Amino acid sequence: MAILGRIERYLRQTGMPRTKFGRLAVTDPRLVDDLRKGRDPGPELCARIEAQLARPAPTPEAGR
């Protein structure tokens, strides 16, 4: 499956906002939007995205 499809599934399953995913994965809140618009990530960026996909989603902090 393409990397964007895997990200989209992760976002649906975790309820994480796309901007938060981008910040956590590669410090770029526009990552998902850029990928949706056709950005082609290189191997290093893909590795960082894959690492985020492998991590469990952070739990919401109490009181937020």
PDB file of N, CA and C in Angstrom:
ATOM      1  N   MET A   1       0.851  -1.186   0.000  1.00  0.00           N
ATOM      2  CA  MET A   1       0.000   0.000   0.000  1.00  0.00           C
ATOM      3  C   MET A   1       0.889   1.240   0.000  1.00  0.00           C
ATOM      4  N   ALA A   2       0.462   2.233  -0.726  1.00  0.00           N
ATOM      5  CA  ALA A   2       1.213   3.485  -0.794  1.00  0.00           C
ATOM      6  C   ALA A   2       1.267   4.132   0.592  1.00  0.00           C
ATOM      7  N   ILE A   3       2.301   4.911   0.813  1.00  0.00           N
ATOM      8  CA  ILE A   3       2.521   5.523   2.122  1.00  0.00           C
ATOM      9  C   ILE A   3       1.338   6.406   2.527  1.00  0.00           C
ATOM     10  N   LEU A   4       0.758   7.151   1.594  1.00  0.00           N
ATOM     11  CA  LEU A   4      -0.370   8.011   1.927  1.00  0.00           C
ATOM     12  C   LEU A   4      -1.561   7.183   2.399  1.00  0.00           C
ATOM     13  N   GLY A   5      -1.811   6.074   1.754  1.00  0.00           N
ATOM     14  CA  GLY A   5      -2.912   5.202   2.179  1.00  0.00           C
ATOM     15  C   GLY A   5      -2.710   4.676   3.590  1.00  0.00           C
ATOM     16  N   ARG A   6      -1.479   4.334   3.911  1.00  0.00           N
ATOM     17  CA  ARG A   6      -1.179   3.846   5.259  1.00  0.00           C
ATOM     18  C   ARG A   6      -1.363   4.958   6.288  1.00  0.00           C
ATOM     19  N   ILE A   7      -0.965   6.176   5.921  1.00  0.00           N
ATOM     20  CA  ILE A   7      -1.153   7.314   6.826  1.00  0.00           C
ATOM     21  C   ILE A   7      -2.649   7.569   7.033  1.00  0.00           C
ATOM     22  N   GLU A   8      -3.406   7.575   5.948  1.00  0.00           N
ATOM     23  CA  GLU A   8      -4.852   7.827   6.045  1.00  0.00           C
ATOM     24  C   GLU A   8      -5.516   6.794   6.960  1.00  0.00           C
ATOM     25  N   ARG A   9      -5.134   5.543   6.816  1.00  0.00           N
ATOM     26  CA  ARG A   9      -5.707   4.491   7.670  1.00  0.00           C
ATOM     27  C   ARG A   9      -5.329   4.725   9.128  1.00  0.00           C
ATOM     28  N   TYR A  10      -4.062   5.082   9.387  1.00  0.00           N
ATOM     29  CA  TYR A  10      -3.589   5.367  10.739  1.00  0.00           C
ATOM     30  C   TYR A  10      -4.389   6.524  11.347  1.00  0.00           C
ATOM     31  N   LEU A  11      -4.608   7.565  10.562  1.00  0.00           N
ATOM     32  CA  LEU A  11      -5.360   8.718  11.056  1.00  0.00           C
ATOM     33  C   LEU A  11      -6.796   8.329  11.409  1.00  0.00           C
ATOM     34  N   ARG A  12      -7.422   7.535  10.564  1.00  0.00           N
ATOM     35  CA  ARG A  12      -8.797   7.082  10.852  1.00  0.00           C
ATOM     36  C   ARG A  12      -8.844   6.227  12.109  1.00  0.00           C
ATOM     37  N   GLN A  13      -7.903   5.294  12.225  1.00  0.00           N
ATOM     38  CA  GLN A  13      -7.902   4.369  13.355  1.00  0.00           C
ATOM     39  C   GLN A  13      -7.590   5.058  14.676  1.00  0.00           C
ATOM     40  N   THR A  14      -6.730   6.051  14.645  1.00  0.00           N
ATOM     41  CA  THR A  14      -6.302   6.699  15.882  1.00  0.00           C
ATOM     42  C   THR A  14      -7.074   7.981  16.196  1.00  0.00           C
ATOM     43  N   GLY A  15      -7.709   8.563  15.197  1.00  0.00           N
ATOM     44  CA  GLY A  15      -8.381   9.838  15.395  1.00  0.00           C
ATOM     45  C   GLY A  15      -7.414  11.003  15.506  1.00  0.00           C
ATOM     46  N   MET A  16      -6.161  10.778  15.141  1.00  0.00           N
ATOM     47  CA  MET A  16      -5.144  11.819  15.227  1.00  0.00           C
ATOM     48  C   MET A  16      -5.345  12.831  14.096  1.00  0.00           C
ATOM     49  N   PRO A  17      -5.245  14.125  14.404  1.00  0.00           N
ATOM     50  CA  PRO A  17      -5.307  15.123  13.327  1.00  0.00           C
ATOM     51  C   PRO A  17      -4.110  14.994  12.392  1.00  0.00           C
ATOM     52  N   ARG A  18      -4.327  15.289  11.131  1.00  0.00           N
ATOM     53  CA  ARG A  18      -3.261  15.147  10.129  1.00  0.00           C
ATOM     54  C   ARG A  18      -2.071  16.040  10.441  1.00  0.00           C
ATOM     55  N   THR A  19      -2.333  17.228  10.988  1.00  0.00           N
ATOM     56  CA  THR A  19      -1.233  18.138  11.293  1.00  0.00           C
ATOM     57  C   THR A  19      -0.370  17.606  12.435  1.00  0.00           C
ATOM     58  N   LYS A  20      -1.006  16.971  13.410  1.00  0.00           N
ATOM     59  CA  LYS A  20      -0.239  16.396  14.522  1.00  0.00           C
ATOM     60  C   LYS A  20       0.629  15.248  14.020  1.00  0.00           C
ATOM     61  N   PHE A  21       0.076  14.420  13.136  1.00  0.00           N
ATOM     62  CA  PHE A  21       0.865  13.327  12.580  1.00  0.00           C
ATOM     63  C   PHE A  21       2.111  13.875  11.888  1.00  0.00           C
ATOM     64  N   GLY A  22       1.924  14.892  11.066  1.00  0.00           N
ATOM     65  CA  GLY A  22       3.056  15.481  10.356  1.00  0.00           C
ATOM     66  C   GLY A  22       4.110  16.040  11.303  1.00  0.00           C
ATOM     67  N   ARG A  23       3.647  16.691  12.366  1.00  0.00           N
ATOM     68  CA  ARG A  23       4.600  17.233  13.350  1.00  0.00           C
ATOM     69  C   ARG A  23       5.368  16.118  14.038  1.00  0.00           C
ATOM     70  N   LEU A  24       4.662  15.080  14.463  1.00  0.00           N
ATOM     71  CA  LEU A  24       5.319  13.981  15.160  1.00  0.00           C
ATOM     72  C   LEU A  24       6.264  13.206  14.253  1.00  0.00           C
ATOM     73  N   ALA A  25       5.851  13.001  13.015  1.00  0.00           N
ATOM     74  CA  ALA A  25       6.638  12.175  12.101  1.00  0.00           C
ATOM     75  C   ALA A  25       7.872  12.902  11.565  1.00  0.00           C
ATOM     76  N   VAL A  26       7.663  14.119  11.084  1.00  0.00           N
ATOM     77  CA  VAL A  26       8.758  14.791  10.380  1.00  0.00           C
ATOM     78  C   VAL A  26       8.849  16.284  10.676  1.00  0.00           C
ATOM     79  N   THR A  27       8.221  16.723  11.756  1.00  0.00           N
ATOM     80  CA  THR A  27       8.167  18.142  12.147  1.00  0.00           C
ATOM     81  C   THR A  27       7.627  19.045  11.032  1.00  0.00           C
ATOM     82  N   ASP A  28       6.651  18.542  10.289  1.00  0.00           N
ATOM     83  CA  ASP A  28       6.032  19.310   9.206  1.00  0.00           C
ATOM     84  C   ASP A  28       4.516  19.126   9.283  1.00  0.00           C
ATOM     85  N   PRO A  29       3.797  20.104   9.850  1.00  0.00           N
ATOM     86  CA  PRO A  29       2.349  19.938   9.974  1.00  0.00           C
ATOM     87  C   PRO A  29       1.617  19.875   8.637  1.00  0.00           C
ATOM     88  N   ARG A  30       2.253  20.268   7.554  1.00  0.00           N
ATOM     89  CA  ARG A  30       1.622  20.217   6.227  1.00  0.00           C
ATOM     90  C   ARG A  30       1.908  18.917   5.481  1.00  0.00           C
ATOM     91  N   LEU A  31       2.604  17.996   6.098  1.00  0.00           N
ATOM     92  CA  LEU A  31       3.023  16.762   5.421  1.00  0.00           C
ATOM     93  C   LEU A  31       1.859  16.056   4.724  1.00  0.00           C
ATOM     94  N   VAL A  32       0.804  15.747   5.457  1.00  0.00           N
ATOM     95  CA  VAL A  32      -0.303  14.975   4.877  1.00  0.00           C
ATOM     96  C   VAL A  32      -0.966  15.752   3.749  1.00  0.00           C
ATOM     97  N   ASP A  33      -1.186  17.042   3.949  1.00  0.00           N
ATOM     98  CA  ASP A  33      -1.782  17.848   2.869  1.00  0.00           C
ATOM     99  C   ASP A  33      -0.894  17.842   1.631  1.00  0.00           C
ATOM    100  N   ASP A  34       0.410  17.978   1.831  1.00  0.00           N
ATOM    101  CA  ASP A  34       1.334  17.955   0.694  1.00  0.00           C
ATOM    102  C   ASP A  34       1.318  16.608  -0.016  1.00  0.00           C
ATOM    103  N   LEU A  35       1.265  15.517   0.743  1.00  0.00           N
ATOM    104  CA  LEU A  35       1.198  14.189   0.128  1.00  0.00           C
ATOM    105  C   LEU A  35      -0.100  14.033  -0.658  1.00  0.00           C
ATOM    106  N   ARG A  36      -1.189  14.554  -0.123  1.00  0.00           N
ATOM    107  CA  ARG A  36      -2.475  14.501  -0.828  1.00  0.00           C
ATOM    108  C   ARG A  36      -2.426  15.274  -2.133  1.00  0.00           C
ATOM    109  N   LYS A  37      -1.591  16.304  -2.178  1.00  0.00           N
ATOM    110  CA  LYS A  37      -1.456  17.127  -3.385  1.00  0.00           C
ATOM    111  C   LYS A  37      -0.413  16.579  -4.354  1.00  0.00           C
ATOM    112  N   GLY A  38       0.197  15.438  -4.008  1.00  0.00           N
ATOM    113  CA  GLY A  38       1.126  14.808  -4.939  1.00  0.00           C
ATOM    114  C   GLY A  38       2.589  14.836  -4.550  1.00  0.00           C
ATOM    115  N   ARG A  39       2.916  15.350  -3.371  1.00  0.00           N
ATOM    116  CA  ARG A  39       4.323  15.355  -2.943  1.00  0.00           C
ATOM    117  C   ARG A  39       4.854  13.933  -2.956  1.00  0.00           C
ATOM    118  N   ASP A  40       6.048  13.762  -3.484  1.00  0.00           N
ATOM    119  CA  ASP A  40       6.674  12.444  -3.574  1.00  0.00           C
ATOM    120  C   ASP A  40       7.796  12.363  -2.535  1.00  0.00           C
ATOM    121  N   PRO A  41       7.553  11.664  -1.420  1.00  0.00           N
ATOM    122  CA  PRO A  41       8.576  11.612  -0.365  1.00  0.00           C
ATOM    123  C   PRO A  41       9.757  10.733  -0.765  1.00  0.00           C
ATOM    124  N   GLY A  42      10.933  11.180  -0.389  1.00  0.00           N
ATOM    125  CA  GLY A  42      12.146  10.403  -0.644  1.00  0.00           C
ATOM    126  C   GLY A  42      12.307   9.296   0.385  1.00  0.00           C
ATOM    127  N   PRO A  43      13.349   8.491   0.251  1.00  0.00           N
ATOM    128  CA  PRO A  43      13.535   7.344   1.137  1.00  0.00           C
ATOM    129  C   PRO A  43      13.707   7.721   2.613  1.00  0.00           C
ATOM    130  N   GLU A  44      14.414   8.808   2.898  1.00  0.00           N
ATOM    131  CA  GLU A  44      14.614   9.202   4.298  1.00  0.00           C
ATOM    132  C   GLU A  44      13.303   9.659   4.928  1.00  0.00           C
ATOM    133  N   LEU A  45      12.529  10.428   4.175  1.00  0.00           N
ATOM    134  CA  LEU A  45      11.240  10.884   4.681  1.00  0.00           C
ATOM    135  C   LEU A  45      10.306   9.689   4.889  1.00  0.00           C
ATOM    136  N   CYS A  46      10.308   8.759   3.950  1.00  0.00           N
ATOM    137  CA  CYS A  46       9.484   7.553   4.095  1.00  0.00           C
ATOM    138  C   CYS A  46       9.880   6.766   5.344  1.00  0.00           C
ATOM    139  N   ALA A  47      11.161   6.684   5.619  1.00  0.00           N
ATOM    140  CA  ALA A  47      11.626   5.959   6.806  1.00  0.00           C
ATOM    141  C   ALA A  47      11.120   6.628   8.079  1.00  0.00           C
ATOM    142  N   ARG A  48      11.126   7.954   8.111  1.00  0.00           N
ATOM    143  CA  ARG A  48      10.629   8.665   9.291  1.00  0.00           C
ATOM    144  C   ARG A  48       9.123   8.491   9.447  1.00  0.00           C
ATOM    145  N   ILE A  49       8.409   8.500   8.329  1.00  0.00           N
ATOM    146  CA  ILE A  49       6.958   8.278   8.366  1.00  0.00           C
ATOM    147  C   ILE A  49       6.661   6.864   8.850  1.00  0.00           C
ATOM    148  N   GLU A  50       7.379   5.888   8.310  1.00  0.00           N
ATOM    149  CA  GLU A  50       7.184   4.485   8.717  1.00  0.00           C
ATOM    150  C   GLU A  50       7.446   4.316  10.214  1.00  0.00           C
ATOM    151  N   ALA A  51       8.448   5.007  10.731  1.00  0.00           N
ATOM    152  CA  ALA A  51       8.749   4.920  12.163  1.00  0.00           C
ATOM    153  C   ALA A  51       7.574   5.443  12.985  1.00  0.00           C
ATOM    154  N   GLN A  52       6.950   6.530  12.532  1.00  0.00           N
ATOM    155  CA  GLN A  52       5.785   7.067  13.254  1.00  0.00           C
ATOM    156  C   GLN A  52       4.610   6.111  13.156  1.00  0.00           C
ATOM    157  N   LEU A  53       4.409   5.522  11.998  1.00  0.00           N
ATOM    158  CA  LEU A  53       3.307   4.578  11.831  1.00  0.00           C
ATOM    159  C   LEU A  53       3.462   3.360  12.742  1.00  0.00           C
ATOM    160  N   ALA A  54       4.692   3.016  13.065  1.00  0.00           N
ATOM    161  CA  ALA A  54       4.952   1.849  13.910  1.00  0.00           C
ATOM    162  C   ALA A  54       4.755   2.159  15.395  1.00  0.00           C
ATOM    163  N   ARG A  55       4.764   3.442  15.753  1.00  0.00           N
ATOM    164  CA  ARG A  55       4.577   3.821  17.162  1.00  0.00           C
ATOM    165  C   ARG A  55       3.097   3.813  17.507  1.00  0.00           C
ATOM    166  N   PRO A  56       2.783   3.476  18.754  1.00  0.00           N
ATOM    167  CA  PRO A  56       1.374   3.616  19.162  1.00  0.00           C
ATOM    168  C   PRO A  56       0.995   5.088  19.205  1.00  0.00           C
ATOM    169  N   ALA A  57      -0.235   5.373  18.925  1.00  0.00           N
ATOM    170  CA  ALA A  57      -0.699   6.758  18.961  1.00  0.00           C
ATOM    171  C   ALA A  57      -0.643   7.271  20.390  1.00  0.00           C
ATOM    172  N   PRO A  58      -0.208   8.511  20.567  1.00  0.00           N
ATOM    173  CA  PRO A  58      -0.195   9.074  21.912  1.00  0.00           C
ATOM    174  C   PRO A  58      -1.609   9.186  22.478  1.00  0.00           C
ATOM    175  N   THR A  59      -1.733   8.995  23.758  1.00  0.00           N
ATOM    176  CA  THR A  59      -3.042   9.127  24.393  1.00  0.00           C
ATOM    177  C   THR A  59      -3.285  10.591  24.728  1.00  0.00           C
ATOM    178  N   PRO A  60      -4.525  11.035  24.654  1.00  0.00           N
ATOM    179  CA  PRO A  60      -4.809  12.436  25.009  1.00  0.00           C
ATOM    180  C   PRO A  60      -4.428  12.710  26.454  1.00  0.00           C
ATOM    181  N   GLU A  61      -3.865  13.869  26.682  1.00  0.00           N
ATOM    182  CA  GLU A  61      -3.483  14.234  28.045  1.00  0.00           C
ATOM    183  C   GLU A  61      -4.728  14.623  28.837  1.00  0.00           C
ATOM    184  N   ALA A  62      -4.707  14.300  30.098  1.00  0.00           N
ATOM    185  CA  ALA A  62      -5.830  14.627  30.978  1.00  0.00           C
ATOM    186  C   ALA A  62      -6.042  16.135  30.999  1.00  0.00           C
ATOM    187  N   GLY A  63      -7.293  16.537  30.964  1.00  0.00           N
ATOM    188  CA  GLY A  63      -7.601  17.944  31.057  1.00  0.00           C
ATOM    189  C   GLY A  63      -7.535  18.698  29.751  1.00  0.00           C
ATOM    190  N   ARG A  64      -7.264  18.035  28.653  1.00  0.00           N
ATOM    191  CA  ARG A  64      -7.207  18.737  27.354  1.00  0.00           C
ATOM    192  C   ARG A  64      -8.339  18.309  26.489  1.00  0.00           C
TER     193      ARG A  64
END
